[in-house]
């Protein structure tokens, strides 16, 4: 399958971007390695005029395909998946619209991403529900459960006390 890098990255002449968010350095003839922020957004590091700068890929895609962000607007992921950086999933909108999207998609709780939407999560919602079930049966010790999921016993305690993964209890 041939990938079409058909849009330049604004202000960075050595880079092109696809509709899906892949960034190509045409000077070095290679795709950039994806990295992720602590909260789960894909980023790339670009170089121009002697300086490196990190960018969130969804903002680069939206700028390339929809133009510069209008004042007072921000980038929205229409399906709620911050790793889906396809141009058809991104749109400039107000902060209010973006927050309404997050509520609609279940990715916003009191201003913070929750569960598997939180970028560093080692568990899925299904894992957390299984842990709750395992705790409720009394057949497993917290250390055993933690070992099964390669997480610390403190996370199991947090789930048990409803300090973390609260949203799975509702």
C-alpha atoms as a PDB file:
ATOM      1  CA  UNK A   1       0.000   0.000   0.000  1.00  0.00           C
ATOM      2  CA  UNK A   2       1.379   3.380  -0.983  1.00  0.00           C
ATOM      3  CA  UNK A   3       1.135   6.194   1.552  1.00  0.00           C
ATOM      4  CA  UNK A   4       0.482   9.653   0.147  1.00  0.00           C
ATOM      5  CA  UNK A   5       2.229  12.467   2.009  1.00  0.00           C
ATOM      6  CA  UNK A   6       0.328  15.244   0.383  1.00  0.00           C
ATOM      7  CA  UNK A   7       0.353  18.133   2.837  1.00  0.00           C
ATOM      8  CA  UNK A   8       3.296  20.155   4.138  1.00  0.00           C
ATOM      9  CA  UNK A   9       3.673  20.821   7.853  1.00  0.00           C
ATOM     10  CA  UNK A  10       3.206  24.565   8.256  1.00  0.00           C
ATOM     11  CA  UNK A  11       6.491  26.288   9.152  1.00  0.00           C
ATOM     12  CA  UNK A  12       8.542  23.095   8.821  1.00  0.00           C
ATOM     13  CA  UNK A  13       9.575  22.717   5.156  1.00  0.00           C
ATOM     14  CA  UNK A  14      11.357  19.364   5.619  1.00  0.00           C
ATOM     15  CA  UNK A  15       8.177  17.586   6.735  1.00  0.00           C
ATOM     16  CA  UNK A  16       4.996  16.263   5.113  1.00  0.00           C
ATOM     17  CA  UNK A  17       1.918  14.751   6.766  1.00  0.00           C
ATOM     18  CA  UNK A  18      -0.712  12.225   5.690  1.00  0.00           C
ATOM     19  CA  UNK A  19      -4.469  12.349   6.202  1.00  0.00           C
ATOM     20  CA  UNK A  20      -3.970   9.785   8.985  1.00  0.00           C
ATOM     21  CA  UNK A  21      -1.242  11.654  10.858  1.00  0.00           C
ATOM     22  CA  UNK A  22       1.968  10.004   9.715  1.00  0.00           C
ATOM     23  CA  UNK A  23       4.810  12.508   9.479  1.00  0.00           C
ATOM     24  CA  UNK A  24       7.539  12.119   6.878  1.00  0.00           C
ATOM     25  CA  UNK A  25      10.909  13.871   6.920  1.00  0.00           C
ATOM     26  CA  UNK A  26      11.577  14.119   3.183  1.00  0.00           C
ATOM     27  CA  UNK A  27      15.090  15.456   3.729  1.00  0.00           C
ATOM     28  CA  UNK A  28      16.094  12.295   5.628  1.00  0.00           C
ATOM     29  CA  UNK A  29      13.648  10.050   3.727  1.00  0.00           C
ATOM     30  CA  UNK A  30      12.010   8.481   6.789  1.00  0.00           C
ATOM     31  CA  UNK A  31       8.844   8.349   8.870  1.00  0.00           C
ATOM     32  CA  UNK A  32       9.066   9.973  12.257  1.00  0.00           C
ATOM     33  CA  UNK A  33       8.772   7.742  15.296  1.00  0.00           C
ATOM     34  CA  UNK A  34       5.573   8.265  17.234  1.00  0.00           C
ATOM     35  CA  UNK A  35       5.743   9.205  20.887  1.00  0.00           C
ATOM     36  CA  UNK A  36       2.969   9.763  23.377  1.00  0.00           C
ATOM     37  CA  UNK A  37       2.395  12.375  26.053  1.00  0.00           C
ATOM     38  CA  UNK A  38       1.553  11.374  29.634  1.00  0.00           C
ATOM     39  CA  UNK A  39      -2.124  11.857  28.794  1.00  0.00           C
ATOM     40  CA  UNK A  40      -2.102   9.724  25.636  1.00  0.00           C
ATOM     41  CA  UNK A  41      -1.705  12.170  22.728  1.00  0.00           C
ATOM     42  CA  UNK A  42       0.598  11.215  19.853  1.00  0.00           C
ATOM     43  CA  UNK A  43       3.497  13.622  19.364  1.00  0.00           C
ATOM     44  CA  UNK A  44       6.397  14.141  16.989  1.00  0.00           C
ATOM     45  CA  UNK A  45       9.556  16.217  17.315  1.00  0.00           C
ATOM     46  CA  UNK A  46      10.319  18.504  14.369  1.00  0.00           C
ATOM     47  CA  UNK A  47      13.510  20.395  13.545  1.00  0.00           C
ATOM     48  CA  UNK A  48      13.792  23.753  11.804  1.00  0.00           C
ATOM     49  CA  UNK A  49      16.308  26.599  11.869  1.00  0.00           C
ATOM     50  CA  UNK A  50      18.484  24.963  14.519  1.00  0.00           C
ATOM     51  CA  UNK A  51      15.666  24.237  16.966  1.00  0.00           C
ATOM     52  CA  UNK A  52      13.669  21.135  17.928  1.00  0.00           C
ATOM     53  CA  UNK A  53      10.019  21.436  18.879  1.00  0.00           C
ATOM     54  CA  UNK A  54       7.416  18.854  19.953  1.00  0.00           C
ATOM     55  CA  UNK A  55       3.960  18.909  18.368  1.00  0.00           C
ATOM     56  CA  UNK A  56       0.775  16.985  18.979  1.00  0.00           C
ATOM     57  CA  UNK A  57      -0.016  15.154  15.754  1.00  0.00           C
ATOM     58  CA  UNK A  58      -3.752  15.920  15.815  1.00  0.00           C
ATOM     59  CA  UNK A  59      -2.978  19.644  15.750  1.00  0.00           C
ATOM     60  CA  UNK A  60      -0.576  19.236  12.819  1.00  0.00           C
ATOM     61  CA  UNK A  61      -3.158  17.250  10.841  1.00  0.00           C
ATOM     62  CA  UNK A  62      -5.960  19.720  11.547  1.00  0.00           C
ATOM     63  CA  UNK A  63      -3.767  22.679  10.593  1.00  0.00           C
ATOM     64  CA  UNK A  64      -2.603  20.956   7.381  1.00  0.00           C
ATOM     65  CA  UNK A  65      -6.115  19.990   6.228  1.00  0.00           C
ATOM     66  CA  UNK A  66      -8.334  22.726   7.721  1.00  0.00           C
ATOM     67  CA  UNK A  67      -6.005  25.704   8.074  1.00  0.00           C
ATOM     68  CA  UNK A  68      -4.614  27.565  11.059  1.00  0.00           C
ATOM     69  CA  UNK A  69      -6.599  27.271  14.275  1.00  0.00           C
ATOM     70  CA  UNK A  70      -9.045  30.171  14.564  1.00  0.00           C
ATOM     71  CA  UNK A  71      -8.721  32.308  17.673  1.00  0.00           C
ATOM     72  CA  UNK A  72     -10.580  30.825  20.645  1.00  0.00           C
ATOM     73  CA  UNK A  73     -10.776  27.363  19.069  1.00  0.00           C
ATOM     74  CA  UNK A  74      -9.053  24.052  19.764  1.00  0.00           C
ATOM     75  CA  UNK A  75      -8.784  20.679  18.079  1.00  0.00           C
ATOM     76  CA  UNK A  76     -11.581  18.145  18.692  1.00  0.00           C
ATOM     77  CA  UNK A  77     -11.403  14.350  18.226  1.00  0.00           C
ATOM     78  CA  UNK A  78     -14.908  13.673  16.957  1.00  0.00           C
ATOM     79  CA  UNK A  79     -14.932   9.990  17.979  1.00  0.00           C
ATOM     80  CA  UNK A  80     -13.293  10.585  21.383  1.00  0.00           C
ATOM     81  CA  UNK A  81     -10.227   8.502  20.495  1.00  0.00           C
ATOM     82  CA  UNK A  82      -7.117  10.642  20.908  1.00  0.00           C
ATOM     83  CA  UNK A  83      -5.047   8.158  18.919  1.00  0.00           C
ATOM     84  CA  UNK A  84      -7.305   8.500  15.858  1.00  0.00           C
ATOM     85  CA  UNK A  85      -5.573  11.389  14.117  1.00  0.00           C
ATOM     86  CA  UNK A  86      -7.253  11.004  10.725  1.00  0.00           C
ATOM     87  CA  UNK A  87      -8.309  14.305   9.187  1.00  0.00           C
ATOM     88  CA  UNK A  88     -11.958  13.183   9.047  1.00  0.00           C
ATOM     89  CA  UNK A  89     -11.953  12.661  12.835  1.00  0.00           C
ATOM     90  CA  UNK A  90     -10.571  16.112  13.645  1.00  0.00           C
ATOM     91  CA  UNK A  91     -12.206  19.512  13.652  1.00  0.00           C
ATOM     92  CA  UNK A  92     -11.581  22.966  15.099  1.00  0.00           C
ATOM     93  CA  UNK A  93     -14.158  23.813  17.742  1.00  0.00           C
ATOM     94  CA  UNK A  94     -14.699  25.759  20.923  1.00  0.00           C
ATOM     95  CA  UNK A  95     -13.540  24.512  24.316  1.00  0.00           C
ATOM     96  CA  UNK A  96     -17.187  24.000  25.207  1.00  0.00           C
ATOM     97  CA  UNK A  97     -17.746  21.789  22.139  1.00  0.00           C
ATOM     98  CA  UNK A  98     -14.604  19.814  22.953  1.00  0.00           C
ATOM     99  CA  UNK A  99     -15.737  19.271  26.552  1.00  0.00           C
ATOM    100  CA  UNK A 100     -19.219  18.242  25.381  1.00  0.00           C
ATOM    101  CA  UNK A 101     -17.540  15.703  23.067  1.00  0.00           C
ATOM    102  CA  UNK A 102     -15.517  14.337  25.991  1.00  0.00           C
ATOM    103  CA  UNK A 103     -18.625  13.950  28.137  1.00  0.00           C
ATOM    104  CA  UNK A 104     -20.482  12.282  25.244  1.00  0.00           C
ATOM    105  CA  UNK A 105     -17.623   9.815  24.694  1.00  0.00           C
ATOM    106  CA  UNK A 106     -17.049   9.146  28.401  1.00  0.00           C
ATOM    107  CA  UNK A 107     -13.483  10.438  28.288  1.00  0.00           C
ATOM    108  CA  UNK A 108     -13.933  13.387  30.645  1.00  0.00           C
ATOM    109  CA  UNK A 109     -14.336  13.233  34.382  1.00  0.00           C
ATOM    110  CA  UNK A 110     -13.760  16.359  36.412  1.00  0.00           C
ATOM    111  CA  UNK A 111     -11.186  17.609  33.920  1.00  0.00           C
ATOM    112  CA  UNK A 112      -9.050  14.442  33.860  1.00  0.00           C
ATOM    113  CA  UNK A 113      -9.019  11.446  31.546  1.00  0.00           C
ATOM    114  CA  UNK A 114     -10.083   8.249  33.312  1.00  0.00           C
ATOM    115  CA  UNK A 115      -9.460   4.535  32.996  1.00  0.00           C
ATOM    116  CA  UNK A 116      -7.849   3.353  29.783  1.00  0.00           C
ATOM    117  CA  UNK A 117      -8.225   6.893  28.353  1.00  0.00           C
ATOM    118  CA  UNK A 118      -5.524   7.976  30.780  1.00  0.00           C
ATOM    119  CA  UNK A 119      -2.329   7.685  28.753  1.00  0.00           C
ATOM    120  CA  UNK A 120      -0.245   5.623  31.199  1.00  0.00           C
ATOM    121  CA  UNK A 121      -2.884   3.042  32.079  1.00  0.00           C
ATOM    122  CA  UNK A 122      -1.794  -0.608  32.124  1.00  0.00           C
ATOM    123  CA  UNK A 123      -5.364  -1.843  32.531  1.00  0.00           C
ATOM    124  CA  UNK A 124      -8.492  -1.787  30.413  1.00  0.00           C
ATOM    125  CA  UNK A 125     -11.985  -1.307  31.801  1.00  0.00           C
ATOM    126  CA  UNK A 126     -12.520  -5.041  31.316  1.00  0.00           C
ATOM    127  CA  UNK A 127      -9.378  -5.782  33.388  1.00  0.00           C
ATOM    128  CA  UNK A 128     -10.570  -3.492  36.181  1.00  0.00           C
ATOM    129  CA  UNK A 129     -14.007  -5.139  36.241  1.00  0.00           C
ATOM    130  CA  UNK A 130     -12.362  -8.566  36.429  1.00  0.00           C
ATOM    131  CA  UNK A 131     -10.219  -7.363  39.337  1.00  0.00           C
ATOM    132  CA  UNK A 132     -13.360  -6.183  41.147  1.00  0.00           C
ATOM    133  CA  UNK A 133     -14.912  -9.592  40.526  1.00  0.00           C
ATOM    134  CA  UNK A 134     -11.802 -11.412  41.762  1.00  0.00           C
ATOM    135  CA  UNK A 135     -11.768  -9.268  44.890  1.00  0.00           C
ATOM    136  CA  UNK A 136     -15.468  -9.922  45.513  1.00  0.00           C
ATOM    137  CA  UNK A 137     -15.042 -13.705  45.395  1.00  0.00           C
ATOM    138  CA  UNK A 138     -12.339 -13.638  48.074  1.00  0.00           C
ATOM    139  CA  UNK A 139     -10.515 -16.417  46.200  1.00  0.00           C
ATOM    140  CA  UNK A 140      -7.464 -14.274  45.424  1.00  0.00           C
ATOM    141  CA  UNK A 141      -5.199 -12.111  47.545  1.00  0.00           C
ATOM    142  CA  UNK A 142      -4.480  -8.603  46.356  1.00  0.00           C
ATOM    143  CA  UNK A 143      -0.807  -9.477  45.757  1.00  0.00           C
ATOM    144  CA  UNK A 144      -1.828 -12.403  43.557  1.00  0.00           C
ATOM    145  CA  UNK A 145      -4.134 -10.239  41.463  1.00  0.00           C
ATOM    146  CA  UNK A 146      -1.456  -7.559  41.144  1.00  0.00           C
ATOM    147  CA  UNK A 147       1.020 -10.173  39.972  1.00  0.00           C
ATOM    148  CA  UNK A 148      -1.434 -11.493  37.349  1.00  0.00           C
ATOM    149  CA  UNK A 149      -1.776  -8.019  35.815  1.00  0.00           C
ATOM    150  CA  UNK A 150       1.852  -6.906  36.374  1.00  0.00           C
ATOM    151  CA  UNK A 151       0.754  -3.935  38.462  1.00  0.00           C
ATOM    152  CA  UNK A 152       1.458  -2.892  42.029  1.00  0.00           C
ATOM    153  CA  UNK A 153      -0.710  -4.051  44.932  1.00  0.00           C
ATOM    154  CA  UNK A 154      -1.396  -0.350  45.616  1.00  0.00           C
ATOM    155  CA  UNK A 155      -3.413  -0.196  42.384  1.00  0.00           C
ATOM    156  CA  UNK A 156      -5.496  -3.167  43.530  1.00  0.00           C
ATOM    157  CA  UNK A 157      -6.093  -1.392  46.855  1.00  0.00           C
ATOM    158  CA  UNK A 158      -7.104   1.775  44.973  1.00  0.00           C
ATOM    159  CA  UNK A 159      -9.610  -0.171  42.886  1.00  0.00           C
ATOM    160  CA  UNK A 160     -10.978  -1.945  45.971  1.00  0.00           C
ATOM    161  CA  UNK A 161     -11.437   1.345  47.859  1.00  0.00           C
ATOM    162  CA  UNK A 162     -12.916   3.011  44.756  1.00  0.00           C
ATOM    163  CA  UNK A 163     -10.173   5.650  44.769  1.00  0.00           C
ATOM    164  CA  UNK A 164      -9.261   4.780  41.178  1.00  0.00           C
ATOM    165  CA  UNK A 165     -11.269   3.210  38.349  1.00  0.00           C
ATOM    166  CA  UNK A 166     -14.400   4.567  40.077  1.00  0.00           C
ATOM    167  CA  UNK A 167     -16.259   4.814  36.787  1.00  0.00           C
ATOM    168  CA  UNK A 168     -16.390   1.015  36.396  1.00  0.00           C
ATOM    169  CA  UNK A 169     -18.526   0.704  39.547  1.00  0.00           C
ATOM    170  CA  UNK A 170     -21.428   2.643  38.028  1.00  0.00           C
END
